[in-house]
């Protein structure tokens, strides 16, 4: 029981991390465009 719950929790954290990385890349692209202007 505890093993499965921790595993699902880790999966959720991994998904959040991936989303955060994607968001970070988007913000970096926006920042670069703003600097060029």
PDB file of N, CA and C in Angstrom:
ATOM      1  N   UNK A   1       0.838  -1.200   0.000  1.00  0.00           N
ATOM      2  CA  UNK A   1       0.000   0.000   0.000  1.00  0.00           C
ATOM      3  C   UNK A   1       0.877   1.256   0.000  1.00  0.00           C
ATOM      4  N   UNK A   2       1.805   1.323   0.939  1.00  0.00           N
ATOM      5  CA  UNK A   2       2.646   2.521   1.026  1.00  0.00           C
ATOM      6  C   UNK A   2       3.534   2.642  -0.212  1.00  0.00           C
ATOM      7  N   UNK A   3       4.004   1.510  -0.720  1.00  0.00           N
ATOM      8  CA  UNK A   3       4.890   1.544  -1.888  1.00  0.00           C
ATOM      9  C   UNK A   3       4.165   2.170  -3.075  1.00  0.00           C
ATOM     10  N   UNK A   4       2.942   1.721  -3.333  1.00  0.00           N
ATOM     11  CA  UNK A   4       2.206   2.238  -4.486  1.00  0.00           C
ATOM     12  C   UNK A   4       1.891   3.720  -4.302  1.00  0.00           C
ATOM     13  N   UNK A   5       1.513   4.111  -3.092  1.00  0.00           N
ATOM     14  CA  UNK A   5       1.168   5.518  -2.853  1.00  0.00           C
ATOM     15  C   UNK A   5       2.391   6.412  -3.064  1.00  0.00           C
ATOM     16  N   UNK A   6       3.550   5.987  -2.570  1.00  0.00           N
ATOM     17  CA  UNK A   6       4.762   6.799  -2.753  1.00  0.00           C
ATOM     18  C   UNK A   6       5.134   6.850  -4.227  1.00  0.00           C
ATOM     19  N   UNK A   7       4.921   5.748  -4.918  1.00  0.00           N
ATOM     20  CA  UNK A   7       5.281   5.706  -6.342  1.00  0.00           C
ATOM     21  C   UNK A   7       4.400   6.686  -7.125  1.00  0.00           C
ATOM     22  N   UNK A   8       3.105   6.666  -6.866  1.00  0.00           N
ATOM     23  CA  UNK A   8       2.213   7.585  -7.575  1.00  0.00           C
ATOM     24  C   UNK A   8       2.585   9.030  -7.233  1.00  0.00           C
ATOM     25  N   UNK A   9       2.961   9.255  -5.977  1.00  0.00           N
ATOM     26  CA  UNK A   9       3.362  10.609  -5.557  1.00  0.00           C
ATOM     27  C   UNK A   9       4.606  11.035  -6.337  1.00  0.00           C
ATOM     28  N   UNK A  10       5.556  10.124  -6.481  1.00  0.00           N
ATOM     29  CA  UNK A  10       6.788  10.445  -7.228  1.00  0.00           C
ATOM     30  C   UNK A  10       6.456  10.738  -8.686  1.00  0.00           C
ATOM     31  N   UNK A  11       5.518   9.942  -9.245  1.00  0.00           N
ATOM     32  CA  UNK A  11       5.123  10.169 -10.642  1.00  0.00           C
ATOM     33  C   UNK A  11       4.524  11.567 -10.786  1.00  0.00           C
ATOM     34  N   UNK A  12       3.689  11.934  -9.826  1.00  0.00           N
ATOM     35  CA  UNK A  12       3.056  13.255  -9.878  1.00  0.00           C
ATOM     36  C   UNK A  12       4.121  14.344  -9.806  1.00  0.00           C
ATOM     37  N   UNK A  13       5.100  14.168  -8.927  1.00  0.00           N
ATOM     38  CA  UNK A  13       6.176  15.155  -8.792  1.00  0.00           C
ATOM     39  C   UNK A  13       6.975  15.240 -10.091  1.00  0.00           C
ATOM     40  N   UNK A  14       7.207  14.093 -10.732  1.00  0.00           N
ATOM     41  CA  UNK A  14       7.964  14.070 -11.988  1.00  0.00           C
ATOM     42  C   UNK A  14       7.197  14.838 -13.060  1.00  0.00           C
ATOM     43  N   UNK A  15       5.881  14.636 -13.105  1.00  0.00           N
ATOM     44  CA  UNK A  15       5.067  15.344 -14.100  1.00  0.00           C
ATOM     45  C   UNK A  15       5.128  16.846 -13.844  1.00  0.00           C
ATOM     46  N   UNK A  16       5.043  17.231 -12.572  1.00  0.00           N
ATOM     47  CA  UNK A  16       5.112  18.664 -12.229  1.00  0.00           C
ATOM     48  C   UNK A  16       6.463  19.225 -12.646  1.00  0.00           C
ATOM     49  N   UNK A  17       7.521  18.457 -12.426  1.00  0.00           N
ATOM     50  CA  UNK A  17       8.872  18.913 -12.773  1.00  0.00           C
ATOM     51  C   UNK A  17       8.969  19.131 -14.280  1.00  0.00           C
ATOM     52  N   UNK A  18       8.392  18.201 -15.049  1.00  0.00           N
ATOM     53  CA  UNK A  18       8.446  18.338 -16.515  1.00  0.00           C
ATOM     54  C   UNK A  18       7.713  19.597 -16.944  1.00  0.00           C
ATOM     55  N   UNK A  19       6.538  19.827 -16.358  1.00  0.00           N
ATOM     56  CA  UNK A  19       5.764  21.027 -16.709  1.00  0.00           C
ATOM     57  C   UNK A  19       6.555  22.278 -16.340  1.00  0.00           C
ATOM     58  N   UNK A  20       7.203  22.245 -15.187  1.00  0.00           N
ATOM     59  CA  UNK A  20       7.981  23.402 -14.732  1.00  0.00           C
ATOM     60  C   UNK A  20       9.120  23.678 -15.706  1.00  0.00           C
ATOM     61  N   UNK A  21       9.776  22.604 -16.170  1.00  0.00           N
ATOM     62  CA  UNK A  21      10.895  22.781 -17.118  1.00  0.00           C
ATOM     63  C   UNK A  21      10.387  23.399 -18.414  1.00  0.00           C
ATOM     64  N   UNK A  22       9.230  22.919 -18.901  1.00  0.00           N
ATOM     65  CA  UNK A  22       8.670  23.465 -20.142  1.00  0.00           C
ATOM     66  C   UNK A  22       8.344  24.941 -19.953  1.00  0.00           C
ATOM     67  N   UNK A  23       7.755  25.271 -18.814  1.00  0.00           N
ATOM     68  CA  UNK A  23       7.393  26.668 -18.537  1.00  0.00           C
ATOM     69  C   UNK A  23       8.653  27.523 -18.477  1.00  0.00           C
ATOM     70  N   UNK A  24       9.703  26.991 -17.868  1.00  0.00           N
ATOM     71  CA  UNK A  24      10.963  27.734 -17.750  1.00  0.00           C
ATOM     72  C   UNK A  24      11.523  28.022 -19.142  1.00  0.00           C
ATOM     73  N   UNK A  25      11.459  27.028 -20.021  1.00  0.00           N
ATOM     74  CA  UNK A  25      11.979  27.228 -21.383  1.00  0.00           C
ATOM     75  C   UNK A  25      11.195  28.329 -22.077  1.00  0.00           C
ATOM     76  N   UNK A  26       9.867  28.338 -21.890  1.00  0.00           N
ATOM     77  CA  UNK A  26       9.036  29.364 -22.525  1.00  0.00           C
ATOM     78  C   UNK A  26       9.422  30.746 -22.011  1.00  0.00           C
ATOM     79  N   UNK A  27       9.613  30.875 -20.711  1.00  0.00           N
ATOM     80  CA  UNK A  27       9.962  32.177 -20.135  1.00  0.00           C
ATOM     81  C   UNK A  27      11.329  32.622 -20.638  1.00  0.00           C
ATOM     82  N   UNK A  28      12.248  31.679 -20.786  1.00  0.00           N
ATOM     83  CA  UNK A  28      13.594  32.016 -21.274  1.00  0.00           C
ATOM     84  C   UNK A  28      13.494  32.551 -22.699  1.00  0.00           C
ATOM     85  N   UNK A  29      12.668  31.897 -23.523  1.00  0.00           N
ATOM     86  CA  UNK A  29      12.510  32.355 -24.911  1.00  0.00           C
ATOM     87  C   UNK A  29      11.943  33.768 -24.924  1.00  0.00           C
ATOM     88  N   UNK A  30      10.948  34.018 -24.081  1.00  0.00           N
ATOM     89  CA  UNK A  30      10.341  35.355 -24.019  1.00  0.00           C
ATOM     90  C   UNK A  30      11.384  36.378 -23.578  1.00  0.00           C
ATOM     91  N   UNK A  31      12.200  36.021 -22.609  1.00  0.00           N
ATOM     92  CA  UNK A  31      13.223  36.939 -22.099  1.00  0.00           C
ATOM     93  C   UNK A  31      14.222  37.270 -23.204  1.00  0.00           C
ATOM     94  N   UNK A  32      14.621  36.267 -23.967  1.00  0.00           N
ATOM     95  CA  UNK A  32      15.590  36.506 -25.054  1.00  0.00           C
ATOM     96  C   UNK A  32      14.993  37.453 -26.089  1.00  0.00           C
ATOM     97  N   UNK A  33      13.712  37.240 -26.423  1.00  0.00           N
ATOM     98  CA  UNK A  33      13.062  38.115 -27.404  1.00  0.00           C
ATOM     99  C   UNK A  33      13.004  39.540 -26.868  1.00  0.00           C
ATOM    100  N   UNK A  34      12.700  39.684 -25.594  1.00  0.00           N
ATOM    101  CA  UNK A  34      12.598  41.019 -24.990  1.00  0.00           C
ATOM    102  C   UNK A  34      13.961  41.709 -25.013  1.00  0.00           C
ATOM    103  N   UNK A  35      15.019  40.955 -24.765  1.00  0.00           N
ATOM    104  CA  UNK A  35      16.373  41.545 -24.756  1.00  0.00           C
ATOM    105  C   UNK A  35      16.733  42.042 -26.154  1.00  0.00           C
ATOM    106  N   UNK A  36      16.349  41.300 -27.183  1.00  0.00           N
ATOM    107  CA  UNK A  36      16.674  41.709 -28.555  1.00  0.00           C
ATOM    108  C   UNK A  36      16.014  43.045 -28.868  1.00  0.00           C
ATOM    109  N   UNK A  37      14.795  43.237 -28.379  1.00  0.00           N
ATOM    110  CA  UNK A  37      14.082  44.499 -28.627  1.00  0.00           C
ATOM    111  C   UNK A  37      14.790  45.610 -27.863  1.00  0.00           C
TER     112      UNK A  37
END
